[in-house]
Amino acid sequence: GTASSLTDLMASLVAVFVLLFVAAQNNRGAGMKNARDALLRSLEGRLAQAGIEQWAVDSVPNDPSTVIIVLPDSVLFDWGSDIMKPGGRAEVERATPVLASVLCDSTLRDQLDQLVVEGHTDNTFRAELSPQEGRMYNLGLSQRRSMNFVQASTAVLKNSEGLLGCYLQLVSATGRGQEDLLPSTPPDAAQQRRVLLRIRLRTERADTVRVTARQLIP
């Protein structure tokens, strides 16, 4: 009888732990979604106020921890070039202070993990290159473009030490080349050539529920 009672007690403790864990996960997911939605609204409103309509702000389906900003790279670069066009640089210089002020605002900064600048290309390349050489060329091109974007965006913040320091803590650059082509879009379409800013919210694991049997026993 004692063994049976102990088994029942342990089963009850496990059930309580599972319920608490699920509730904590749901609460944390809801909190992250609220933070993401607040970030979306702030970015959309501030960029629109600055007249920067073509920076498309969106969320990622089924991922409450990420907000993306997509800018066609034709605004920034000529085809096959990693040198930012004057008009593109002016666009980045106009948008970066707005972006940095939103990300570094005290109400949001502690909830953000990183800002990743991703360069993407279509699947076209110079005719003298083999498919494998072209693939590697596009990867290098997208990496250089993303780094060029970061350099241009940090340069405009050089006179604002607070924003610059915060921005540098968040930002990183990467190139995806032609590896993440948009589905349902021709692989050589202009839409494939894009610069994507991926803003990630913190996904803390240390705050998961820890309940011991001793805490549950009256």
N, C-alpha and C. Protein backbone atom coordinates (compact mmCIF):
# COMPACT_ATOMS: atom_id res chain seq x y z
N GLY A 1 0.81 -1.20 0.00
CA GLY A 1 0.00 0.00 0.00
C GLY A 1 0.84 1.25 0.00
N THR A 2 1.95 1.19 0.78
CA THR A 2 2.85 2.35 0.82
C THR A 2 3.46 2.60 -0.54
N ALA A 3 3.89 1.50 -1.21
CA ALA A 3 4.50 1.64 -2.54
C ALA A 3 3.49 2.21 -3.53
N SER A 4 2.24 1.74 -3.44
CA SER A 4 1.21 2.24 -4.35
C SER A 4 0.94 3.72 -4.12
N SER A 5 0.89 4.12 -2.86
CA SER A 5 0.66 5.53 -2.54
C SER A 5 1.79 6.41 -3.05
N LEU A 6 3.03 5.90 -2.89
CA LEU A 6 4.19 6.65 -3.36
C LEU A 6 4.17 6.80 -4.88
N THR A 7 3.76 5.70 -5.55
CA THR A 7 3.66 5.75 -7.02
C THR A 7 2.62 6.77 -7.46
N ASP A 8 1.47 6.76 -6.77
CA ASP A 8 0.42 7.73 -7.10
C ASP A 8 0.90 9.16 -6.86
N LEU A 9 1.64 9.34 -5.76
CA LEU A 9 2.14 10.67 -5.46
C LEU A 9 3.10 11.16 -6.53
N MET A 10 4.02 10.29 -6.95
CA MET A 10 4.99 10.66 -7.97
C MET A 10 4.29 10.96 -9.30
N ALA A 11 3.27 10.15 -9.62
CA ALA A 11 2.52 10.39 -10.86
C ALA A 11 1.84 11.75 -10.80
N SER A 12 1.28 12.08 -9.63
CA SER A 12 0.63 13.38 -9.47
C SER A 12 1.63 14.52 -9.60
N LEU A 13 2.81 14.32 -9.03
CA LEU A 13 3.84 15.35 -9.12
C LEU A 13 4.27 15.58 -10.56
N VAL A 14 4.43 14.49 -11.30
CA VAL A 14 4.80 14.61 -12.71
C VAL A 14 3.72 15.35 -13.49
N ALA A 15 2.46 15.02 -13.21
CA ALA A 15 1.35 15.68 -13.92
C ALA A 15 1.33 17.17 -13.62
N VAL A 16 1.54 17.52 -12.34
CA VAL A 16 1.57 18.94 -11.98
C VAL A 16 2.73 19.64 -12.66
N PHE A 17 3.89 19.01 -12.68
CA PHE A 17 5.06 19.60 -13.33
C PHE A 17 4.79 19.87 -14.81
N VAL A 18 4.19 18.86 -15.48
CA VAL A 18 3.90 19.02 -16.91
C VAL A 18 2.94 20.18 -17.14
N LEU A 19 1.90 20.28 -16.30
CA LEU A 19 0.94 21.37 -16.45
C LEU A 19 1.59 22.73 -16.23
N LEU A 20 2.45 22.82 -15.22
CA LEU A 20 3.14 24.08 -14.96
C LEU A 20 4.09 24.43 -16.09
N PHE A 21 4.77 23.43 -16.60
CA PHE A 21 5.71 23.67 -17.69
C PHE A 21 4.99 24.17 -18.94
N VAL A 22 3.87 23.50 -19.28
CA VAL A 22 3.09 23.91 -20.45
C VAL A 22 2.55 25.33 -20.28
N ALA A 23 2.05 25.62 -19.07
CA ALA A 23 1.53 26.96 -18.82
C ALA A 23 2.62 28.01 -18.95
N ALA A 24 3.81 27.70 -18.41
CA ALA A 24 4.92 28.65 -18.51
C ALA A 24 5.34 28.86 -19.95
N GLN A 25 5.38 27.78 -20.73
CA GLN A 25 5.74 27.91 -22.14
C GLN A 25 4.73 28.74 -22.90
N ASN A 26 3.44 28.52 -22.60
CA ASN A 26 2.40 29.31 -23.27
C ASN A 26 2.50 30.78 -22.91
N ASN A 27 2.73 31.05 -21.63
CA ASN A 27 2.87 32.44 -21.20
C ASN A 27 4.07 33.10 -21.85
N ARG A 28 5.17 32.36 -21.93
CA ARG A 28 6.36 32.93 -22.53
C ARG A 28 6.16 33.18 -24.02
N GLY A 29 5.47 32.22 -24.69
CA GLY A 29 5.19 32.41 -26.11
C GLY A 29 4.31 33.62 -26.35
N ALA A 30 3.30 33.81 -25.48
CA ALA A 30 2.42 34.97 -25.63
C ALA A 30 3.19 36.26 -25.39
N GLY A 31 4.09 36.25 -24.39
CA GLY A 31 4.89 37.44 -24.12
C GLY A 31 5.79 37.79 -25.28
N MET A 32 6.39 36.77 -25.92
CA MET A 32 7.27 37.01 -27.05
C MET A 32 6.48 37.54 -28.24
N LYS A 33 5.28 36.99 -28.45
CA LYS A 33 4.44 37.47 -29.56
C LYS A 33 4.06 38.93 -29.34
N ASN A 34 3.73 39.29 -28.09
CA ASN A 34 3.40 40.69 -27.80
C ASN A 34 4.59 41.60 -28.08
N ALA A 35 5.79 41.15 -27.70
CA ALA A 35 6.99 41.95 -27.96
C ALA A 35 7.25 42.08 -29.45
N ARG A 36 7.04 40.98 -30.18
CA ARG A 36 7.22 41.02 -31.64
C ARG A 36 6.23 41.98 -32.29
N ASP A 37 4.96 41.92 -31.86
CA ASP A 37 3.94 42.79 -32.45
C ASP A 37 4.23 44.26 -32.14
N ALA A 38 4.74 44.52 -30.93
CA ALA A 38 5.10 45.91 -30.58
C ALA A 38 6.25 46.40 -31.45
N LEU A 39 7.21 45.52 -31.70
CA LEU A 39 8.34 45.88 -32.56
C LEU A 39 7.87 46.13 -33.99
N LEU A 40 6.98 45.29 -34.49
CA LEU A 40 6.42 45.47 -35.83
C LEU A 40 5.74 46.83 -35.97
N ARG A 41 4.87 47.14 -35.02
CA ARG A 41 4.13 48.41 -35.09
C ARG A 41 5.08 49.60 -35.04
N SER A 42 6.06 49.53 -34.16
CA SER A 42 6.99 50.65 -34.02
C SER A 42 7.80 50.84 -35.30
N LEU A 43 8.31 49.75 -35.87
CA LEU A 43 9.10 49.85 -37.09
C LEU A 43 8.27 50.38 -38.25
N GLU A 44 7.09 49.83 -38.43
CA GLU A 44 6.23 50.27 -39.53
C GLU A 44 5.89 51.75 -39.40
N GLY A 45 5.52 52.16 -38.20
CA GLY A 45 5.14 53.55 -38.01
C GLY A 45 6.29 54.51 -38.19
N ARG A 46 7.45 54.19 -37.60
CA ARG A 46 8.59 55.10 -37.67
C ARG A 46 9.17 55.18 -39.07
N LEU A 47 9.24 54.06 -39.78
CA LEU A 47 9.76 54.09 -41.15
C LEU A 47 8.81 54.85 -42.06
N ALA A 48 7.51 54.67 -41.86
CA ALA A 48 6.52 55.40 -42.68
C ALA A 48 6.61 56.89 -42.42
N GLN A 49 6.78 57.28 -41.16
CA GLN A 49 6.91 58.70 -40.82
C GLN A 49 8.13 59.32 -41.49
N ALA A 50 9.18 58.50 -41.65
CA ALA A 50 10.41 58.99 -42.28
C ALA A 50 10.33 58.93 -43.80
N GLY A 51 9.18 58.49 -44.33
CA GLY A 51 9.00 58.42 -45.78
C GLY A 51 9.71 57.26 -46.43
N ILE A 52 10.00 56.22 -45.65
CA ILE A 52 10.72 55.06 -46.18
C ILE A 52 9.71 53.94 -46.37
N GLU A 53 8.95 54.02 -47.43
CA GLU A 53 7.83 53.12 -47.65
C GLU A 53 8.27 51.76 -48.19
N GLN A 54 9.42 51.71 -48.87
CA GLN A 54 9.76 50.47 -49.56
C GLN A 54 10.49 49.46 -48.67
N TRP A 55 10.74 49.81 -47.43
CA TRP A 55 11.30 48.85 -46.49
C TRP A 55 10.14 48.01 -45.95
N ALA A 56 9.97 46.81 -46.47
CA ALA A 56 8.83 45.97 -46.12
C ALA A 56 9.07 45.27 -44.79
N VAL A 57 8.28 45.64 -43.78
CA VAL A 57 8.41 45.05 -42.45
C VAL A 57 7.38 43.94 -42.31
N ASP A 58 7.81 42.77 -41.82
CA ASP A 58 6.89 41.64 -41.72
C ASP A 58 7.34 40.71 -40.61
N SER A 59 6.47 39.81 -40.23
CA SER A 59 6.82 38.75 -39.28
C SER A 59 7.07 37.47 -40.06
N VAL A 60 7.58 36.47 -39.37
CA VAL A 60 7.84 35.17 -39.98
C VAL A 60 6.76 34.20 -39.51
N PRO A 61 6.02 33.56 -40.43
CA PRO A 61 4.97 32.64 -40.02
C PRO A 61 5.50 31.57 -39.06
N ASN A 62 4.74 31.33 -38.01
CA ASN A 62 5.07 30.30 -37.01
C ASN A 62 6.37 30.56 -36.26
N ASP A 63 6.84 31.80 -36.28
CA ASP A 63 8.05 32.14 -35.53
C ASP A 63 7.83 33.46 -34.81
N PRO A 64 7.38 33.41 -33.55
CA PRO A 64 7.09 34.65 -32.83
C PRO A 64 8.34 35.39 -32.39
N SER A 65 9.52 34.83 -32.66
CA SER A 65 10.76 35.46 -32.18
C SER A 65 11.46 36.30 -33.24
N THR A 66 10.88 36.43 -34.44
CA THR A 66 11.60 37.08 -35.53
C THR A 66 10.74 38.09 -36.28
N VAL A 67 11.34 39.24 -36.55
CA VAL A 67 10.77 40.26 -37.44
C VAL A 67 11.76 40.48 -38.57
N ILE A 68 11.26 40.62 -39.79
CA ILE A 68 12.14 40.83 -40.93
C ILE A 68 11.81 42.14 -41.64
N ILE A 69 12.84 42.75 -42.20
CA ILE A 69 12.69 43.91 -43.06
C ILE A 69 13.35 43.56 -44.39
N VAL A 70 12.60 43.66 -45.47
CA VAL A 70 13.10 43.27 -46.79
C VAL A 70 13.22 44.50 -47.67
N LEU A 71 14.38 44.64 -48.29
CA LEU A 71 14.63 45.74 -49.22
C LEU A 71 15.18 45.17 -50.52
N PRO A 72 14.55 45.43 -51.66
CA PRO A 72 15.09 44.94 -52.93
C PRO A 72 16.51 45.45 -53.13
N ASP A 73 17.44 44.55 -53.46
CA ASP A 73 18.83 45.01 -53.55
C ASP A 73 19.06 45.88 -54.78
N SER A 74 18.07 45.93 -55.70
CA SER A 74 18.19 46.83 -56.85
C SER A 74 18.22 48.29 -56.39
N VAL A 75 17.64 48.57 -55.22
CA VAL A 75 17.71 49.91 -54.65
C VAL A 75 19.14 50.24 -54.22
N LEU A 76 19.88 49.19 -53.81
CA LEU A 76 21.20 49.38 -53.24
C LEU A 76 22.33 49.13 -54.22
N PHE A 77 22.21 48.09 -55.06
CA PHE A 77 23.33 47.64 -55.89
C PHE A 77 22.90 47.42 -57.33
N ASP A 78 23.82 47.65 -58.24
CA ASP A 78 23.60 47.22 -59.63
C ASP A 78 23.82 45.72 -59.72
N TRP A 79 23.29 45.10 -60.78
CA TRP A 79 23.44 43.65 -60.95
C TRP A 79 24.92 43.28 -60.99
N GLY A 80 25.29 42.30 -60.18
CA GLY A 80 26.65 41.79 -60.16
C GLY A 80 27.66 42.66 -59.43
N SER A 81 27.21 43.76 -58.83
CA SER A 81 28.13 44.68 -58.16
C SER A 81 27.94 44.61 -56.65
N ASP A 82 29.05 44.78 -55.91
CA ASP A 82 28.95 44.85 -54.46
C ASP A 82 29.24 46.27 -53.95
N ILE A 83 29.28 47.24 -54.87
CA ILE A 83 29.48 48.65 -54.50
C ILE A 83 28.11 49.31 -54.42
N MET A 84 27.78 49.84 -53.27
CA MET A 84 26.46 50.43 -53.09
C MET A 84 26.29 51.68 -53.95
N LYS A 85 25.15 51.77 -54.61
CA LYS A 85 24.86 52.93 -55.45
C LYS A 85 24.63 54.16 -54.57
N PRO A 86 24.93 55.36 -55.08
CA PRO A 86 24.71 56.58 -54.29
C PRO A 86 23.29 56.68 -53.76
N GLY A 87 22.31 56.34 -54.59
CA GLY A 87 20.93 56.40 -54.14
C GLY A 87 20.65 55.38 -53.04
N GLY A 88 21.26 54.20 -53.16
CA GLY A 88 21.10 53.18 -52.14
C GLY A 88 21.74 53.60 -50.82
N ARG A 89 22.93 54.19 -50.90
CA ARG A 89 23.59 54.65 -49.69
C ARG A 89 22.76 55.74 -49.00
N ALA A 90 22.17 56.64 -49.80
CA ALA A 90 21.33 57.68 -49.22
C ALA A 90 20.12 57.07 -48.52
N GLU A 91 19.57 56.00 -49.10
CA GLU A 91 18.44 55.31 -48.48
C GLU A 91 18.83 54.70 -47.14
N VAL A 92 19.98 54.05 -47.11
CA VAL A 92 20.47 53.44 -45.87
C VAL A 92 20.76 54.50 -44.82
N GLU A 93 21.37 55.60 -45.24
CA GLU A 93 21.69 56.67 -44.30
C GLU A 93 20.44 57.32 -43.73
N ARG A 94 19.38 57.34 -44.51
CA ARG A 94 18.12 57.93 -44.04
C ARG A 94 17.38 56.98 -43.10
N ALA A 95 17.48 55.68 -43.36
CA ALA A 95 16.71 54.71 -42.59
C ALA A 95 17.41 54.24 -41.33
N THR A 96 18.73 54.19 -41.33
CA THR A 96 19.45 53.59 -40.20
C THR A 96 19.18 54.29 -38.87
N PRO A 97 19.22 55.63 -38.79
CA PRO A 97 18.91 56.25 -37.49
C PRO A 97 17.53 55.90 -36.97
N VAL A 98 16.56 55.76 -37.88
CA VAL A 98 15.20 55.37 -37.48
C VAL A 98 15.22 53.95 -36.94
N LEU A 99 15.87 53.05 -37.69
CA LEU A 99 15.95 51.65 -37.28
C LEU A 99 16.66 51.51 -35.94
N ALA A 100 17.80 52.17 -35.80
CA ALA A 100 18.58 52.06 -34.57
C ALA A 100 17.82 52.63 -33.38
N SER A 101 17.11 53.74 -33.58
CA SER A 101 16.39 54.35 -32.47
C SER A 101 15.27 53.45 -31.97
N VAL A 102 14.64 52.68 -32.88
CA VAL A 102 13.60 51.74 -32.47
C VAL A 102 14.22 50.56 -31.72
N LEU A 103 15.27 49.96 -32.30
CA LEU A 103 15.87 48.77 -31.70
C LEU A 103 16.54 49.08 -30.37
N CYS A 104 17.06 50.27 -30.22
CA CYS A 104 17.80 50.62 -29.01
C CYS A 104 16.95 51.34 -27.98
N ASP A 105 15.67 51.49 -28.25
CA ASP A 105 14.78 52.11 -27.27
C ASP A 105 14.74 51.24 -26.01
N SER A 106 14.70 51.87 -24.88
CA SER A 106 14.78 51.15 -23.61
C SER A 106 13.63 50.17 -23.42
N THR A 107 12.50 50.41 -24.07
CA THR A 107 11.36 49.51 -23.92
C THR A 107 11.52 48.22 -24.71
N LEU A 108 12.47 48.18 -25.68
CA LEU A 108 12.63 47.00 -26.52
C LEU A 108 14.02 46.38 -26.44
N ARG A 109 15.04 47.18 -26.16
CA ARG A 109 16.42 46.69 -26.30
C ARG A 109 16.68 45.40 -25.54
N ASP A 110 16.22 45.30 -24.31
CA ASP A 110 16.51 44.11 -23.50
C ASP A 110 15.83 42.86 -24.03
N GLN A 111 14.85 43.05 -24.92
CA GLN A 111 14.14 41.89 -25.47
C GLN A 111 14.72 41.43 -26.80
N LEU A 112 15.72 42.14 -27.31
CA LEU A 112 16.30 41.80 -28.62
C LEU A 112 17.60 41.04 -28.46
N ASP A 113 17.81 40.11 -29.37
CA ASP A 113 19.03 39.29 -29.35
C ASP A 113 20.02 39.75 -30.40
N GLN A 114 19.58 39.87 -31.66
CA GLN A 114 20.50 40.26 -32.71
C GLN A 114 19.77 40.79 -33.94
N LEU A 115 20.52 41.51 -34.75
CA LEU A 115 20.07 42.00 -36.05
C LEU A 115 21.02 41.43 -37.10
N VAL A 116 20.52 40.53 -37.93
CA VAL A 116 21.36 39.89 -38.94
C VAL A 116 21.02 40.49 -40.31
N VAL A 117 22.04 41.02 -40.98
CA VAL A 117 21.87 41.54 -42.34
C VAL A 117 22.21 40.42 -43.31
N GLU A 118 21.22 39.95 -44.06
CA GLU A 118 21.41 38.84 -45.00
C GLU A 118 21.38 39.36 -46.43
N GLY A 119 22.38 39.00 -47.20
CA GLY A 119 22.37 39.28 -48.63
C GLY A 119 21.90 38.06 -49.40
N HIS A 120 21.05 38.27 -50.41
CA HIS A 120 20.52 37.17 -51.23
C HIS A 120 20.66 37.53 -52.70
N THR A 121 20.93 36.54 -53.53
CA THR A 121 21.03 36.75 -54.98
C THR A 121 20.02 35.84 -55.69
N ASP A 122 19.86 36.09 -57.00
CA ASP A 122 19.14 35.13 -57.81
C ASP A 122 20.14 34.03 -58.22
N ASN A 123 19.79 33.19 -59.18
CA ASN A 123 20.68 32.10 -59.57
C ASN A 123 21.44 32.39 -60.87
N THR A 124 21.54 33.68 -61.24
CA THR A 124 22.27 34.03 -62.46
C THR A 124 23.68 34.48 -62.12
N PHE A 125 24.58 34.35 -63.11
CA PHE A 125 25.98 34.75 -62.94
C PHE A 125 26.60 34.88 -64.32
N ARG A 126 27.85 35.33 -64.35
CA ARG A 126 28.52 35.56 -65.63
C ARG A 126 28.63 34.25 -66.42
N ALA A 127 28.51 34.38 -67.75
CA ALA A 127 28.41 33.21 -68.61
C ALA A 127 29.66 32.33 -68.57
N GLU A 128 30.83 32.91 -68.29
CA GLU A 128 32.06 32.12 -68.32
C GLU A 128 32.23 31.23 -67.08
N LEU A 129 31.35 31.37 -66.10
CA LEU A 129 31.46 30.58 -64.89
C LEU A 129 30.66 29.28 -65.01
N SER A 130 31.18 28.21 -64.42
CA SER A 130 30.43 26.97 -64.35
C SER A 130 29.33 27.11 -63.29
N PRO A 131 28.34 26.21 -63.29
CA PRO A 131 27.29 26.31 -62.26
C PRO A 131 27.85 26.34 -60.84
N GLN A 132 28.85 25.50 -60.55
CA GLN A 132 29.41 25.51 -59.20
C GLN A 132 30.18 26.80 -58.92
N GLU A 133 30.94 27.26 -59.91
CA GLU A 133 31.66 28.54 -59.75
C GLU A 133 30.67 29.69 -59.57
N GLY A 134 29.58 29.66 -60.34
CA GLY A 134 28.57 30.71 -60.21
C GLY A 134 27.90 30.71 -58.86
N ARG A 135 27.66 29.53 -58.35
CA ARG A 135 27.05 29.41 -57.02
C ARG A 135 27.95 30.02 -55.95
N MET A 136 29.25 29.71 -56.03
CA MET A 136 30.20 30.26 -55.07
C MET A 136 30.38 31.77 -55.27
N TYR A 137 30.34 32.20 -56.53
CA TYR A 137 30.44 33.64 -56.81
C TYR A 137 29.28 34.38 -56.16
N ASN A 138 28.07 33.85 -56.32
CA ASN A 138 26.90 34.50 -55.74
C ASN A 138 26.97 34.52 -54.22
N LEU A 139 27.51 33.47 -53.63
CA LEU A 139 27.66 33.45 -52.17
C LEU A 139 28.60 34.57 -51.72
N GLY A 140 29.75 34.68 -52.38
CA GLY A 140 30.70 35.75 -52.04
C GLY A 140 30.12 37.13 -52.30
N LEU A 141 29.38 37.28 -53.40
CA LEU A 141 28.76 38.56 -53.73
C LEU A 141 27.77 38.98 -52.65
N SER A 142 26.94 38.05 -52.22
CA SER A 142 25.95 38.38 -51.19
C SER A 142 26.62 38.71 -49.86
N GLN A 143 27.72 38.04 -49.55
CA GLN A 143 28.44 38.34 -48.31
C GLN A 143 29.05 39.75 -48.35
N ARG A 144 29.63 40.09 -49.49
CA ARG A 144 30.23 41.43 -49.62
C ARG A 144 29.15 42.51 -49.56
N ARG A 145 28.01 42.25 -50.16
CA ARG A 145 26.92 43.22 -50.12
C ARG A 145 26.40 43.43 -48.69
N SER A 146 26.23 42.34 -47.95
CA SER A 146 25.74 42.48 -46.58
C SER A 146 26.74 43.24 -45.72
N MET A 147 28.03 43.00 -45.94
CA MET A 147 29.05 43.73 -45.19
C MET A 147 29.06 45.19 -45.59
N ASN A 148 28.86 45.47 -46.87
CA ASN A 148 28.79 46.84 -47.35
C ASN A 148 27.62 47.57 -46.70
N PHE A 149 26.50 46.87 -46.55
CA PHE A 149 25.33 47.45 -45.90
C PHE A 149 25.66 47.81 -44.45
N VAL A 150 26.31 46.89 -43.74
CA VAL A 150 26.66 47.14 -42.34
C VAL A 150 27.60 48.33 -42.22
N GLN A 151 28.59 48.40 -43.11
CA GLN A 151 29.54 49.51 -43.06
C GLN A 151 28.84 50.84 -43.31
N ALA A 152 27.94 50.87 -44.29
CA ALA A 152 27.22 52.12 -44.58
C ALA A 152 26.30 52.51 -43.44
N SER A 153 25.66 51.52 -42.82
CA SER A 153 24.71 51.83 -41.75
C SER A 153 25.43 52.26 -40.47
N THR A 154 26.59 51.68 -40.18
CA THR A 154 27.32 52.11 -38.97
C THR A 154 27.97 53.48 -39.17
N ALA A 155 28.37 53.78 -40.40
CA ALA A 155 29.03 55.06 -40.66
C ALA A 155 28.12 56.23 -40.34
N VAL A 156 26.82 56.07 -40.62
CA VAL A 156 25.90 57.18 -40.41
C VAL A 156 25.63 57.42 -38.92
N LEU A 157 25.98 56.44 -38.08
CA LEU A 157 25.75 56.58 -36.63
C LEU A 157 26.99 57.04 -35.88
N LYS A 158 28.06 57.36 -36.59
CA LYS A 158 29.33 57.65 -35.93
C LYS A 158 29.26 58.84 -34.98
N ASN A 159 28.32 59.76 -35.22
CA ASN A 159 28.20 60.93 -34.35
C ASN A 159 27.19 60.73 -33.23
N SER A 160 26.66 59.53 -33.13
CA SER A 160 25.72 59.21 -32.05
C SER A 160 26.26 57.98 -31.33
N GLU A 161 27.15 58.22 -30.38
CA GLU A 161 27.88 57.13 -29.74
C GLU A 161 26.97 56.12 -29.06
N GLY A 162 25.91 56.60 -28.43
CA GLY A 162 24.99 55.70 -27.75
C GLY A 162 24.32 54.75 -28.72
N LEU A 163 23.77 55.28 -29.80
CA LEU A 163 23.12 54.44 -30.79
C LEU A 163 24.12 53.53 -31.49
N LEU A 164 25.31 54.05 -31.80
CA LEU A 164 26.31 53.25 -32.50
C LEU A 164 26.72 52.05 -31.66
N GLY A 165 26.99 52.26 -30.37
CA GLY A 165 27.38 51.16 -29.52
C GLY A 165 26.32 50.09 -29.42
N CYS A 166 25.06 50.51 -29.27
CA CYS A 166 23.94 49.57 -29.21
C CYS A 166 23.80 48.82 -30.53
N TYR A 167 23.88 49.54 -31.64
CA TYR A 167 23.72 48.94 -32.97
C TYR A 167 24.81 47.91 -33.22
N LEU A 168 26.05 48.23 -32.87
CA LEU A 168 27.15 47.30 -33.09
C LEU A 168 27.00 46.03 -32.25
N GLN A 169 26.40 46.15 -31.08
CA GLN A 169 26.16 44.97 -30.26
C GLN A 169 25.15 44.03 -30.90
N LEU A 170 24.24 44.60 -31.69
CA LEU A 170 23.18 43.79 -32.29
C LEU A 170 23.52 43.25 -33.67
N VAL A 171 24.23 44.04 -34.50
CA VAL A 171 24.30 43.75 -35.93
C VAL A 171 25.39 42.75 -36.28
N SER A 172 25.10 41.93 -37.29
CA SER A 172 26.08 41.04 -37.91
C SER A 172 25.70 40.90 -39.38
N ALA A 173 26.64 40.43 -40.19
CA ALA A 173 26.42 40.33 -41.63
C ALA A 173 26.65 38.91 -42.11
N THR A 174 25.81 38.47 -43.02
CA THR A 174 25.98 37.15 -43.62
C THR A 174 25.45 37.18 -45.04
N GLY A 175 25.95 36.27 -45.86
CA GLY A 175 25.47 36.16 -47.23
C GLY A 175 24.92 34.77 -47.47
N ARG A 176 23.77 34.70 -48.12
CA ARG A 176 23.15 33.42 -48.42
C ARG A 176 23.22 33.06 -49.89
N GLY A 177 23.72 33.99 -50.71
CA GLY A 177 23.83 33.70 -52.13
C GLY A 177 22.50 33.31 -52.72
N GLN A 178 22.50 32.22 -53.50
CA GLN A 178 21.27 31.74 -54.13
C GLN A 178 20.69 30.55 -53.37
N GLU A 179 21.08 30.37 -52.12
CA GLU A 179 20.70 29.18 -51.37
C GLU A 179 19.29 29.25 -50.80
N ASP A 180 18.73 30.43 -50.63
CA ASP A 180 17.39 30.58 -50.05
C ASP A 180 16.48 31.29 -51.04
N LEU A 181 16.31 30.70 -52.21
CA LEU A 181 15.45 31.29 -53.23
C LEU A 181 14.00 31.28 -52.77
N LEU A 182 13.28 32.34 -53.11
CA LEU A 182 11.87 32.44 -52.74
C LEU A 182 11.06 31.39 -53.49
N PRO A 183 10.20 30.65 -52.79
CA PRO A 183 9.36 29.66 -53.48
C PRO A 183 8.31 30.35 -54.34
N SER A 184 7.84 29.63 -55.34
CA SER A 184 6.80 30.13 -56.24
C SER A 184 7.23 31.40 -56.97
N THR A 185 8.54 31.62 -57.07
CA THR A 185 9.09 32.77 -57.79
C THR A 185 10.21 32.26 -58.68
N PRO A 186 10.26 32.67 -59.96
CA PRO A 186 11.35 32.20 -60.83
C PRO A 186 12.71 32.46 -60.18
N PRO A 187 13.63 31.49 -60.28
CA PRO A 187 14.92 31.64 -59.59
C PRO A 187 15.77 32.80 -60.10
N ASP A 188 15.47 33.31 -61.30
CA ASP A 188 16.24 34.44 -61.83
C ASP A 188 15.47 35.76 -61.71
N ALA A 189 14.35 35.76 -60.98
CA ALA A 189 13.51 36.96 -60.86
C ALA A 189 14.19 38.01 -60.00
N ALA A 190 13.84 39.26 -60.25
CA ALA A 190 14.43 40.37 -59.50
C ALA A 190 14.10 40.27 -58.01
N GLN A 191 12.93 39.67 -57.67
CA GLN A 191 12.55 39.56 -56.26
C GLN A 191 13.55 38.72 -55.45
N GLN A 192 14.27 37.83 -56.14
CA GLN A 192 15.25 37.00 -55.43
C GLN A 192 16.43 37.84 -54.94
N ARG A 193 16.70 38.93 -55.61
CA ARG A 193 17.85 39.77 -55.26
C ARG A 193 17.39 40.77 -54.19
N ARG A 194 17.72 40.47 -52.96
CA ARG A 194 17.18 41.26 -51.85
C ARG A 194 18.16 41.29 -50.69
N VAL A 195 18.03 42.34 -49.89
CA VAL A 195 18.74 42.43 -48.61
C VAL A 195 17.68 42.29 -47.53
N LEU A 196 17.92 41.39 -46.62
CA LEU A 196 16.94 41.07 -45.59
C LEU A 196 17.56 41.34 -44.22
N LEU A 197 16.87 42.13 -43.42
CA LEU A 197 17.29 42.37 -42.04
C LEU A 197 16.44 41.49 -41.14
N ARG A 198 17.11 40.58 -40.45
CA ARG A 198 16.39 39.62 -39.59
C ARG A 198 16.62 40.02 -38.13
N ILE A 199 15.57 40.49 -37.48
CA ILE A 199 15.64 40.94 -36.09
C ILE A 199 15.10 39.83 -35.21
N ARG A 200 15.96 39.33 -34.31
CA ARG A 200 15.58 38.20 -33.47
C ARG A 200 15.37 38.66 -32.03
N LEU A 201 14.26 38.25 -31.46
CA LEU A 201 14.00 38.48 -30.04
C LEU A 201 14.72 37.41 -29.21
N ARG A 202 14.97 37.73 -27.97
CA ARG A 202 15.61 36.76 -27.08
C ARG A 202 14.67 35.59 -26.83
N THR A 203 15.21 34.39 -26.84
CA THR A 203 14.46 33.19 -26.50
C THR A 203 15.15 32.54 -25.32
N GLU A 204 14.86 33.06 -24.13
CA GLU A 204 15.52 32.59 -22.92
C GLU A 204 15.07 31.18 -22.59
N ARG A 205 16.03 30.37 -22.22
CA ARG A 205 15.71 29.01 -21.77
C ARG A 205 15.89 28.87 -20.26
N ALA A 206 16.58 29.86 -19.68
CA ALA A 206 16.85 29.75 -18.26
C ALA A 206 15.63 29.96 -17.40
N ASP A 207 14.56 30.52 -18.00
CA ASP A 207 13.38 30.81 -17.20
C ASP A 207 12.33 29.72 -17.26
N THR A 208 12.67 28.53 -17.78
CA THR A 208 11.72 27.43 -17.80
C THR A 208 11.43 27.00 -16.37
N VAL A 209 10.25 26.44 -16.20
CA VAL A 209 9.80 26.11 -14.86
C VAL A 209 10.65 24.99 -14.27
N ARG A 210 11.13 25.19 -13.03
CA ARG A 210 11.86 24.16 -12.31
C ARG A 210 11.10 23.88 -11.01
N VAL A 211 10.49 22.73 -10.94
CA VAL A 211 9.71 22.38 -9.77
C VAL A 211 10.22 21.04 -9.24
N THR A 212 10.59 20.98 -7.99
CA THR A 212 11.06 19.74 -7.39
C THR A 212 9.93 19.10 -6.61
N ALA A 213 10.07 17.82 -6.35
CA ALA A 213 9.05 17.10 -5.59
C ALA A 213 8.91 17.72 -4.20
N ARG A 214 10.02 18.16 -3.61
CA ARG A 214 9.95 18.75 -2.28
C ARG A 214 9.10 20.00 -2.27
N GLN A 215 9.18 20.83 -3.36
CA GLN A 215 8.38 22.05 -3.41
C GLN A 215 6.89 21.75 -3.54
N LEU A 216 6.56 20.59 -4.11
CA LEU A 216 5.16 20.28 -4.34
C LEU A 216 4.51 19.57 -3.17
N ILE A 217 5.32 18.95 -2.31
CA ILE A 217 4.76 18.24 -1.18
C ILE A 217 4.38 19.23 -0.09
N PRO A 218 3.18 19.22 0.42
CA PRO A 218 2.76 20.16 1.47
C PRO A 218 3.64 20.01 2.71
